Amino acid sequence: KNRLAPVFTDYEFEALGAPRNRSLAVNRDQKFFDEG
């Protein structure tokens, strides 16, 4: 409303369930989870 350009984010948080990236070394540990 103040004529600021849109920044294309609401700055909030979301859980989208992205698939596990098995090429990451840290993910070789099956017990490791980056849960944000």
PDB file of all heavy atoms in Angstrom:
ATOM      1  N   LYS A   1       0.818  -1.211   0.000  1.00  0.00           N
ATOM      2  CA  LYS A   1       0.000   0.000   0.000  1.00  0.00           C
ATOM      3  C   LYS A   1       0.854   1.264   0.000  1.00  0.00           C
ATOM      4  O   LYS A   1       0.398   2.320  -0.434  1.00  0.00           O
ATOM      5  CB  LYS A   1      -0.934  -0.009   1.217  1.00  0.00           C
ATOM      6  CG  LYS A   1      -1.992  -1.104   1.173  1.00  0.00           C
ATOM      7  CD  LYS A   1      -2.885  -1.046   2.407  1.00  0.00           C
ATOM      8  CE  LYS A   1      -3.949  -2.141   2.350  1.00  0.00           C
ATOM      9  NZ  LYS A   1      -4.822  -2.136   3.558  1.00  0.00           N
ATOM     10  N   ASN A   2       2.090   1.137   0.489  1.00  0.00           N
ATOM     11  CA  ASN A   2       3.009   2.270   0.515  1.00  0.00           C
ATOM     12  C   ASN A   2       3.877   2.352  -0.735  1.00  0.00           C
ATOM     13  O   ASN A   2       4.864   3.070  -0.750  1.00  0.00           O
ATOM     14  CB  ASN A   2       3.899   2.193   1.759  1.00  0.00           C
ATOM     15  CG  ASN A   2       3.105   2.361   3.037  1.00  0.00           C
ATOM     16  OD1 ASN A   2       2.108   3.080   3.065  1.00  0.00           O
ATOM     17  ND2 ASN A   2       3.546   1.686   4.089  1.00  0.00           N
ATOM     18  N   ARG A   3       3.499   1.572  -1.762  1.00  0.00           N
ATOM     19  CA  ARG A   3       4.206   1.579  -3.034  1.00  0.00           C
ATOM     20  C   ARG A   3       5.599   0.971  -2.947  1.00  0.00           C
ATOM     21  O   ARG A   3       6.495   1.294  -3.725  1.00  0.00           O
ATOM     22  CB  ARG A   3       4.313   3.012  -3.595  1.00  0.00           C
ATOM     23  CG  ARG A   3       3.002   3.635  -3.987  1.00  0.00           C
ATOM     24  CD  ARG A   3       2.460   3.063  -5.281  1.00  0.00           C
ATOM     25  NE  ARG A   3       3.376   3.298  -6.384  1.00  0.00           N
ATOM     26  CZ  ARG A   3       3.365   2.585  -7.517  1.00  0.00           C
ATOM     27  NH1 ARG A   3       2.518   1.586  -7.648  1.00  0.00           N
ATOM     28  NH2 ARG A   3       4.205   2.869  -8.492  1.00  0.00           N
ATOM     29  N   LEU A   4       5.796   0.092  -1.979  1.00  0.00           N
ATOM     30  CA  LEU A   4       7.052  -0.637  -1.921  1.00  0.00           C
ATOM     31  C   LEU A   4       7.004  -1.783  -2.926  1.00  0.00           C
ATOM     32  O   LEU A   4       5.968  -2.432  -3.099  1.00  0.00           O
ATOM     33  CB  LEU A   4       7.313  -1.179  -0.524  1.00  0.00           C
ATOM     34  CG  LEU A   4       7.489  -0.148   0.593  1.00  0.00           C
ATOM     35  CD1 LEU A   4       7.739  -0.865   1.912  1.00  0.00           C
ATOM     36  CD2 LEU A   4       8.626   0.804   0.278  1.00  0.00           C
ATOM     37  N   ALA A   5       8.124  -2.048  -3.567  1.00  0.00           N
ATOM     38  CA  ALA A   5       8.185  -3.131  -4.534  1.00  0.00           C
ATOM     39  C   ALA A   5       7.983  -4.472  -3.834  1.00  0.00           C
ATOM     40  O   ALA A   5       8.446  -4.664  -2.709  1.00  0.00           O
ATOM     41  CB  ALA A   5       9.525  -3.109  -5.253  1.00  0.00           C
ATOM     42  N   PRO A   6       7.292  -5.414  -4.467  1.00  0.00           N
ATOM     43  CA  PRO A   6       7.083  -6.725  -3.837  1.00  0.00           C
ATOM     44  C   PRO A   6       8.393  -7.481  -3.699  1.00  0.00           C
ATOM     45  O   PRO A   6       9.248  -7.438  -4.586  1.00  0.00           O
ATOM     46  CB  PRO A   6       6.132  -7.437  -4.810  1.00  0.00           C
ATOM     47  CG  PRO A   6       6.369  -6.774  -6.126  1.00  0.00           C
ATOM     48  CD  PRO A   6       6.678  -5.341  -5.806  1.00  0.00           C
ATOM     49  N   VAL A   7       8.563  -8.159  -2.582  1.00  0.00           N
ATOM     50  CA  VAL A   7       9.802  -8.898  -2.324  1.00  0.00           C
ATOM     51  C   VAL A   7       9.639 -10.397  -2.545  1.00  0.00           C
ATOM     52  O   VAL A   7      10.582 -11.159  -2.404  1.00  0.00           O
ATOM     53  CB  VAL A   7      10.313  -8.635  -0.889  1.00  0.00           C
ATOM     54  CG1 VAL A   7      10.777  -7.194  -0.762  1.00  0.00           C
ATOM     55  CG2 VAL A   7       9.252  -8.947   0.143  1.00  0.00           C
ATOM     56  N   PHE A   8       8.432 -10.833  -2.866  1.00  0.00           N
ATOM     57  CA  PHE A   8       8.157 -12.229  -3.200  1.00  0.00           C
ATOM     58  C   PHE A   8       8.426 -13.181  -2.039  1.00  0.00           C
ATOM     59  O   PHE A   8       8.884 -14.305  -2.223  1.00  0.00           O
ATOM     60  CB  PHE A   8       8.932 -12.648  -4.451  1.00  0.00           C
ATOM     61  CG  PHE A   8       8.314 -12.113  -5.714  1.00  0.00           C
ATOM     62  CD1 PHE A   8       8.611 -10.821  -6.151  1.00  0.00           C
ATOM     63  CD2 PHE A   8       7.409 -12.858  -6.443  1.00  0.00           C
ATOM     64  CE1 PHE A   8       8.028 -10.295  -7.293  1.00  0.00           C
ATOM     65  CE2 PHE A   8       6.823 -12.352  -7.592  1.00  0.00           C
ATOM     66  CZ  PHE A   8       7.123 -11.069  -8.019  1.00  0.00           C
ATOM     67  N   THR A   9       8.158 -12.720  -0.834  1.00  0.00           N
ATOM     68  CA  THR A   9       8.135 -13.603   0.336  1.00  0.00           C
ATOM     69  C   THR A   9       7.262 -12.965   1.397  1.00  0.00           C
ATOM     70  O   THR A   9       7.136 -11.734   1.451  1.00  0.00           O
ATOM     71  CB  THR A   9       9.534 -13.849   0.922  1.00  0.00           C
ATOM     72  OG1 THR A   9       9.420 -14.656   2.107  1.00  0.00           O
ATOM     73  CG2 THR A   9      10.229 -12.549   1.283  1.00  0.00           C
ATOM     74  N   ASP A  10       6.638 -13.787   2.220  1.00  0.00           N
ATOM     75  CA  ASP A  10       5.869 -13.275   3.358  1.00  0.00           C
ATOM     76  C   ASP A  10       6.686 -13.364   4.644  1.00  0.00           C
ATOM     77  O   ASP A  10       6.184 -13.071   5.724  1.00  0.00           O
ATOM     78  CB  ASP A  10       4.552 -14.034   3.512  1.00  0.00           C
ATOM     79  CG  ASP A  10       4.742 -15.543   3.707  1.00  0.00           C
ATOM     80  OD1 ASP A  10       5.916 -15.988   3.820  1.00  0.00           O
ATOM     81  OD2 ASP A  10       3.737 -16.267   3.746  1.00  0.00           O
ATOM     82  N   TYR A  11       7.945 -13.792   4.529  1.00  0.00           N
ATOM     83  CA  TYR A  11       8.882 -13.901   5.660  1.00  0.00           C
ATOM     84  C   TYR A  11       8.414 -14.923   6.703  1.00  0.00           C
ATOM     85  O   TYR A  11       8.917 -14.938   7.820  1.00  0.00           O
ATOM     86  CB  TYR A  11       9.088 -12.549   6.341  1.00  0.00           C
ATOM     87  CG  TYR A  11       9.702 -11.501   5.454  1.00  0.00           C
ATOM     88  CD1 TYR A  11       8.930 -10.487   4.904  1.00  0.00           C
ATOM     89  CD2 TYR A  11      11.067 -11.536   5.158  1.00  0.00           C
ATOM     90  CE1 TYR A  11       9.494  -9.522   4.070  1.00  0.00           C
ATOM     91  CE2 TYR A  11      11.641 -10.579   4.330  1.00  0.00           C
ATOM     92  CZ  TYR A  11      10.857  -9.576   3.793  1.00  0.00           C
ATOM     93  OH  TYR A  11      11.415  -8.620   2.974  1.00  0.00           O
ATOM     94  N   GLU A  12       7.493 -15.771   6.347  1.00  0.00           N
ATOM     95  CA  GLU A  12       7.011 -16.777   7.287  1.00  0.00           C
ATOM     96  C   GLU A  12       7.720 -18.111   7.044  1.00  0.00           C
ATOM     97  O   GLU A  12       8.648 -18.194   6.240  1.00  0.00           O
ATOM     98  CB  GLU A  12       5.498 -16.891   7.189  1.00  0.00           C
ATOM     99  CG  GLU A  12       4.784 -15.607   7.616  1.00  0.00           C
ATOM    100  CD  GLU A  12       3.278 -15.772   7.713  1.00  0.00           C
ATOM    101  OE1 GLU A  12       2.787 -16.910   7.561  1.00  0.00           O
ATOM    102  OE2 GLU A  12       2.593 -14.766   7.945  1.00  0.00           O
ATOM    103  N   PHE A  13       7.277 -19.136   7.762  1.00  0.00           N
ATOM    104  CA  PHE A  13       7.917 -20.442   7.696  1.00  0.00           C
ATOM    105  C   PHE A  13       6.931 -21.486   7.187  1.00  0.00           C
ATOM    106  O   PHE A  13       5.730 -21.386   7.431  1.00  0.00           O
ATOM    107  CB  PHE A  13       8.439 -20.856   9.079  1.00  0.00           C
ATOM    108  CG  PHE A  13       9.601 -20.024   9.552  1.00  0.00           C
ATOM    109  CD1 PHE A  13       9.406 -18.745  10.042  1.00  0.00           C
ATOM    110  CD2 PHE A  13      10.890 -20.527   9.493  1.00  0.00           C
ATOM    111  CE1 PHE A  13      10.472 -17.976  10.474  1.00  0.00           C
ATOM    112  CE2 PHE A  13      11.974 -19.762   9.927  1.00  0.00           C
ATOM    113  CZ  PHE A  13      11.755 -18.484  10.413  1.00  0.00           C
ATOM    114  N   GLU A  14       7.462 -22.480   6.486  1.00  0.00           N
ATOM    115  CA  GLU A  14       6.607 -23.488   5.871  1.00  0.00           C
ATOM    116  C   GLU A  14       7.330 -24.830   5.845  1.00  0.00           C
ATOM    117  O   GLU A  14       8.554 -24.898   5.658  1.00  0.00           O
ATOM    118  CB  GLU A  14       6.254 -23.059   4.443  1.00  0.00           C
ATOM    119  CG  GLU A  14       5.300 -23.960   3.718  1.00  0.00           C
ATOM    120  CD  GLU A  14       3.848 -23.721   4.086  1.00  0.00           C
ATOM    121  OE1 GLU A  14       3.598 -22.906   4.989  1.00  0.00           O
ATOM    122  OE2 GLU A  14       2.968 -24.337   3.470  1.00  0.00           O
ATOM    123  N   ALA A  15       6.569 -25.910   6.039  1.00  0.00           N
ATOM    124  CA  ALA A  15       7.106 -27.266   5.910  1.00  0.00           C
ATOM    125  C   ALA A  15       6.608 -27.839   4.591  1.00  0.00           C
ATOM    126  O   ALA A  15       5.412 -28.072   4.432  1.00  0.00           O
ATOM    127  CB  ALA A  15       6.659 -28.138   7.082  1.00  0.00           C
ATOM    128  N   LEU A  16       7.522 -28.042   3.647  1.00  0.00           N
ATOM    129  CA  LEU A  16       7.133 -28.491   2.308  1.00  0.00           C
ATOM    130  C   LEU A  16       7.492 -29.944   2.033  1.00  0.00           C
ATOM    131  O   LEU A  16       7.075 -30.493   1.021  1.00  0.00           O
ATOM    132  CB  LEU A  16       7.797 -27.596   1.256  1.00  0.00           C
ATOM    133  CG  LEU A  16       7.347 -26.134   1.295  1.00  0.00           C
ATOM    134  CD1 LEU A  16       8.160 -25.311   0.304  1.00  0.00           C
ATOM    135  CD2 LEU A  16       5.865 -26.018   0.983  1.00  0.00           C
ATOM    136  N   GLY A  17       8.273 -30.554   2.908  1.00  0.00           N
ATOM    137  CA  GLY A  17       8.573 -31.973   2.732  1.00  0.00           C
ATOM    138  C   GLY A  17       9.474 -32.269   1.554  1.00  0.00           C
ATOM    139  O   GLY A  17       9.275 -33.278   0.851  1.00  0.00           O
ATOM    140  N   ALA A  18      10.472 -31.425   1.316  1.00  0.00           N
ATOM    141  CA  ALA A  18      11.406 -31.678   0.211  1.00  0.00           C
ATOM    142  C   ALA A  18      12.047 -33.052   0.364  1.00  0.00           C
ATOM    143  O   ALA A  18      12.345 -33.482   1.484  1.00  0.00           O
ATOM    144  CB  ALA A  18      12.488 -30.598   0.184  1.00  0.00           C
ATOM    145  N   PRO A  19      12.257 -33.771  -0.727  1.00  0.00           N
ATOM    146  CA  PRO A  19      12.882 -35.096  -0.644  1.00  0.00           C
ATOM    147  C   PRO A  19      14.289 -35.019  -0.052  1.00  0.00           C
ATOM    148  O   PRO A  19      14.973 -33.999  -0.173  1.00  0.00           O
ATOM    149  CB  PRO A  19      12.932 -35.552  -2.107  1.00  0.00           C
ATOM    150  CG  PRO A  19      11.910 -34.726  -2.813  1.00  0.00           C
ATOM    151  CD  PRO A  19      11.902 -33.413  -2.113  1.00  0.00           C
ATOM    152  N   ARG A  20      14.717 -36.074   0.547  1.00  0.00           N
ATOM    153  CA  ARG A  20      16.063 -36.140   1.140  1.00  0.00           C
ATOM    154  C   ARG A  20      17.105 -36.109   0.028  1.00  0.00           C
ATOM    155  O   ARG A  20      16.962 -36.794  -0.993  1.00  0.00           O
ATOM    156  CB  ARG A  20      16.203 -37.422   1.962  1.00  0.00           C
ATOM    157  CG  ARG A  20      17.479 -37.490   2.827  1.00  0.00           C
ATOM    158  CD  ARG A  20      17.375 -38.672   3.766  1.00  0.00           C
ATOM    159  NE  ARG A  20      18.524 -38.829   4.637  1.00  0.00           N
ATOM    160  CZ  ARG A  20      18.689 -38.192   5.799  1.00  0.00           C
ATOM    161  NH1 ARG A  20      17.756 -37.343   6.207  1.00  0.00           N
ATOM    162  NH2 ARG A  20      19.748 -38.407   6.551  1.00  0.00           N
ATOM    163  N   ASN A  21      18.132 -35.306   0.222  1.00  0.00           N
ATOM    164  CA  ASN A  21      19.224 -35.204  -0.745  1.00  0.00           C
ATOM    165  C   ASN A  21      20.315 -36.188  -0.338  1.00  0.00           C
ATOM    166  O   ASN A  21      21.131 -35.907   0.544  1.00  0.00           O
ATOM    167  CB  ASN A  21      19.776 -33.782  -0.783  1.00  0.00           C
ATOM    168  CG  ASN A  21      20.827 -33.603  -1.866  1.00  0.00           C
ATOM    169  OD1 ASN A  21      21.266 -34.568  -2.483  1.00  0.00           O
ATOM    170  ND2 ASN A  21      21.232 -32.368  -2.102  1.00  0.00           N
ATOM    171  N   ARG A  22      20.338 -37.328  -0.975  1.00  0.00           N
ATOM    172  CA  ARG A  22      21.271 -38.382  -0.593  1.00  0.00           C
ATOM    173  C   ARG A  22      22.691 -38.148  -1.084  1.00  0.00           C
ATOM    174  O   ARG A  22      23.591 -38.936  -0.785  1.00  0.00           O
ATOM    175  CB  ARG A  22      20.740 -39.731  -1.077  1.00  0.00           C
ATOM    176  CG  ARG A  22      19.568 -40.199  -0.218  1.00  0.00           C
ATOM    177  CD  ARG A  22      18.815 -41.384  -0.764  1.00  0.00           C
ATOM    178  NE  ARG A  22      17.878 -41.889   0.236  1.00  0.00           N
ATOM    179  CZ  ARG A  22      16.744 -41.284   0.566  1.00  0.00           C
ATOM    180  NH1 ARG A  22      16.400 -40.152  -0.031  1.00  0.00           N
ATOM    181  NH2 ARG A  22      15.948 -41.788   1.498  1.00  0.00           N
ATOM    182  N   SER A  23      22.906 -37.076  -1.835  1.00  0.00           N
ATOM    183  CA  SER A  23      24.264 -36.749  -2.265  1.00  0.00           C
ATOM    184  C   SER A  23      25.017 -35.950  -1.199  1.00  0.00           C
ATOM    185  O   SER A  23      26.231 -35.768  -1.309  1.00  0.00           O
ATOM    186  CB  SER A  23      24.230 -35.948  -3.569  1.00  0.00           C
ATOM    187  OG  SER A  23      23.663 -34.668  -3.368  1.00  0.00           O
ATOM    188  N   LEU A  24      24.326 -35.492  -0.160  1.00  0.00           N
ATOM    189  CA  LEU A  24      24.975 -34.750   0.915  1.00  0.00           C
ATOM    190  C   LEU A  24      25.683 -35.723   1.864  1.00  0.00           C
ATOM    191  O   LEU A  24      25.088 -36.705   2.309  1.00  0.00           O
ATOM    192  CB  LEU A  24      23.953 -33.930   1.705  1.00  0.00           C
ATOM    193  CG  LEU A  24      23.240 -32.808   0.954  1.00  0.00           C
ATOM    194  CD1 LEU A  24      22.253 -32.099   1.887  1.00  0.00           C
ATOM    195  CD2 LEU A  24      24.232 -31.809   0.381  1.00  0.00           C
ATOM    196  N   ALA A  25      26.924 -35.411   2.177  1.00  0.00           N
ATOM    197  CA  ALA A  25      27.700 -36.297   3.049  1.00  0.00           C
ATOM    198  C   ALA A  25      27.030 -36.465   4.406  1.00  0.00           C
ATOM    199  O   ALA A  25      27.018 -37.559   4.977  1.00  0.00           O
ATOM    200  CB  ALA A  25      29.117 -35.744   3.216  1.00  0.00           C
ATOM    201  N   VAL A  26      26.458 -35.390   4.933  1.00  0.00           N
ATOM    202  CA  VAL A  26      25.847 -35.455   6.255  1.00  0.00           C
ATOM    203  C   VAL A  26      24.656 -36.406   6.277  1.00  0.00           C
ATOM    204  O   VAL A  26      24.325 -36.993   7.315  1.00  0.00           O
ATOM    205  CB  VAL A  26      25.424 -34.036   6.711  1.00  0.00           C
ATOM    206  CG1 VAL A  26      24.249 -33.514   5.880  1.00  0.00           C
ATOM    207  CG2 VAL A  26      25.077 -34.007   8.191  1.00  0.00           C
ATOM    208  N   ASN A  27      24.021 -36.610   5.122  1.00  0.00           N
ATOM    209  CA  ASN A  27      22.858 -37.493   5.064  1.00  0.00           C
ATOM    210  C   ASN A  27      23.217 -38.967   4.945  1.00  0.00           C
ATOM    211  O   ASN A  27      22.333 -39.827   4.901  1.00  0.00           O
ATOM    212  CB  ASN A  27      21.946 -37.081   3.899  1.00  0.00           C
ATOM    213  CG  ASN A  27      21.117 -35.859   4.234  1.00  0.00           C
ATOM    214  OD1 ASN A  27      20.969 -35.484   5.391  1.00  0.00           O
ATOM    215  ND2 ASN A  27      20.560 -35.223   3.212  1.00  0.00           N
ATOM    216  N   ARG A  28      24.516 -39.252   4.911  1.00  0.00           N
ATOM    217  CA  ARG A  28      24.906 -40.660   4.955  1.00  0.00           C
ATOM    218  C   ARG A  28      24.571 -41.270   6.308  1.00  0.00           C
ATOM    219  O   ARG A  28      24.434 -42.482   6.429  1.00  0.00           O
ATOM    220  CB  ARG A  28      26.404 -40.790   4.665  1.00  0.00           C
ATOM    221  CG  ARG A  28      26.778 -40.388   3.243  1.00  0.00           C
ATOM    222  CD  ARG A  28      28.277 -40.320   3.050  1.00  0.00           C
ATOM    223  NE  ARG A  28      28.625 -39.763   1.741  1.00  0.00           N
ATOM    224  CZ  ARG A  28      29.820 -39.328   1.407  1.00  0.00           C
ATOM    225  NH1 ARG A  28      30.824 -39.417   2.293  1.00  0.00           N
ATOM    226  NH2 ARG A  28      30.046 -38.830   0.213  1.00  0.00           N
ATOM    227  N   ASP A  29      24.474 -40.389   7.290  1.00  0.00           N
ATOM    228  CA  ASP A  29      24.001 -40.820   8.605  1.00  0.00           C
ATOM    229  C   ASP A  29      22.481 -40.853   8.563  1.00  0.00           C
ATOM    230  O   ASP A  29      21.823 -39.823   8.492  1.00  0.00           O
ATOM    231  CB  ASP A  29      24.475 -39.829   9.676  1.00  0.00           C
ATOM    232  CG  ASP A  29      24.007 -40.208  11.076  1.00  0.00           C
ATOM    233  OD1 ASP A  29      23.272 -41.218  11.222  1.00  0.00           O
ATOM    234  OD2 ASP A  29      24.350 -39.481  12.028  1.00  0.00           O
ATOM    235  N   GLN A  30      21.916 -42.044   8.571  1.00  0.00           N
ATOM    236  CA  GLN A  30      20.479 -42.194   8.422  1.00  0.00           C
ATOM    237  C   GLN A  30      19.699 -41.619   9.610  1.00  0.00           C
ATOM    238  O   GLN A  30      18.482 -41.422   9.526  1.00  0.00           O
ATOM    239  CB  GLN A  30      20.116 -43.673   8.222  1.00  0.00           C
ATOM    240  CG  GLN A  30      20.678 -44.250   6.932  1.00  0.00           C
ATOM    241  CD  GLN A  30      20.256 -45.686   6.700  1.00  0.00           C
ATOM    242  OE1 GLN A  30      19.552 -46.292   7.514  1.00  0.00           O
ATOM    243  NE2 GLN A  30      20.669 -46.260   5.575  1.00  0.00           N
ATOM    244  N   LYS A  31      20.406 -41.318  10.683  1.00  0.00           N
ATOM    245  CA  LYS A  31      19.745 -40.747  11.851  1.00  0.00           C
ATOM    246  C   LYS A  31      19.798 -39.214  11.853  1.00  0.00           C
ATOM    247  O   LYS A  31      19.233 -38.586  12.746  1.00  0.00           O
ATOM    248  CB  LYS A  31      20.380 -41.291  13.132  1.00  0.00           C
ATOM    249  CG  LYS A  31      20.186 -42.785  13.313  1.00  0.00           C
ATOM    250  CD  LYS A  31      20.814 -43.262  14.622  1.00  0.00           C
ATOM    251  CE  LYS A  31      20.609 -44.756  14.815  1.00  0.00           C
ATOM    252  NZ  LYS A  31      21.222 -45.226  16.094  1.00  0.00           N
ATOM    253  N   PHE A  32      20.486 -38.645  10.859  1.00  0.00           N
ATOM    254  CA  PHE A  32      20.588 -37.187  10.795  1.00  0.00           C
ATOM    255  C   PHE A  32      19.436 -36.605   9.995  1.00  0.00           C
ATOM    256  O   PHE A  32      19.118 -37.077   8.898  1.00  0.00           O
ATOM    257  CB  PHE A  32      21.903 -36.760  10.152  1.00  0.00           C
ATOM    258  CG  PHE A  32      21.988 -35.262   9.944  1.00  0.00           C
ATOM    259  CD1 PHE A  32      22.383 -34.425  10.977  1.00  0.00           C
ATOM    260  CD2 PHE A  32      21.626 -34.692   8.723  1.00  0.00           C
ATOM    261  CE1 PHE A  32      22.435 -33.051  10.798  1.00  0.00           C
ATOM    262  CE2 PHE A  32      21.673 -33.318   8.535  1.00  0.00           C
ATOM    263  CZ  PHE A  32      22.078 -32.493   9.577  1.00  0.00           C
ATOM    264  N   PHE A  33      18.807 -35.576  10.556  1.00  0.00           N
ATOM    265  CA  PHE A  33      17.750 -34.866   9.851  1.00  0.00           C
ATOM    266  C   PHE A  33      17.894 -33.372  10.105  1.00  0.00           C
ATOM    267  O   PHE A  33      17.966 -32.943  11.256  1.00  0.00           O
ATOM    268  CB  PHE A  33      16.358 -35.319  10.332  1.00  0.00           C
ATOM    269  CG  PHE A  33      16.018 -36.733   9.949  1.00  0.00           C
ATOM    270  CD1 PHE A  33      16.321 -37.787  10.796  1.00  0.00           C
ATOM    271  CD2 PHE A  33      15.413 -37.005   8.732  1.00  0.00           C
ATOM    272  CE1 PHE A  33      16.022 -39.094  10.451  1.00  0.00           C
ATOM    273  CE2 PHE A  33      15.112 -38.313   8.365  1.00  0.00           C
ATOM    274  CZ  PHE A  33      15.407 -39.359   9.222  1.00  0.00           C
ATOM    275  N   ASP A  34      17.980 -32.617   9.027  1.00  0.00           N
ATOM    276  CA  ASP A  34      17.960 -31.159   9.141  1.00  0.00           C
ATOM    277  C   ASP A  34      16.494 -30.752   9.145  1.00  0.00           C
ATOM    278  O   ASP A  34      15.824 -30.807   8.117  1.00  0.00           O
ATOM    279  CB  ASP A  34      18.690 -30.521   7.961  1.00  0.00           C
ATOM    280  CG  ASP A  34      18.697 -28.991   8.040  1.00  0.00           C
ATOM    281  OD1 ASP A  34      18.023 -28.433   8.923  1.00  0.00           O
ATOM    282  OD2 ASP A  34      19.365 -28.363   7.200  1.00  0.00           O
ATOM    283  N   GLU A  35      16.004 -30.346  10.309  1.00  0.00           N
ATOM    284  CA  GLU A  35      14.584 -30.032  10.432  1.00  0.00           C
ATOM    285  C   GLU A  35      14.341 -28.539  10.650  1.00  0.00           C
ATOM    286  O   GLU A  35      13.353 -28.132  11.258  1.00  0.00           O
ATOM    287  CB  GLU A  35      13.963 -30.871  11.538  1.00  0.00           C
ATOM    288  CG  GLU A  35      14.030 -32.360  11.211  1.00  0.00           C
ATOM    289  CD  GLU A  35      13.077 -33.181  12.062  1.00  0.00           C
ATOM    290  OE1 GLU A  35      13.262 -33.204  13.290  1.00  0.00           O
ATOM    291  OE2 GLU A  35      12.160 -33.788  11.498  1.00  0.00           O
ATOM    292  N   GLY A  36      15.273 -27.744  10.128  1.00  0.00           N
ATOM    293  CA  GLY A  36      15.036 -26.316  10.050  1.00  0.00           C
ATOM    294  C   GLY A  36      14.905 -25.616  11.380  1.00  0.00           C
ATOM    295  O   GLY A  36      15.834 -25.584  12.182  1.00  0.00           O
TER     296      GLY A  36
END
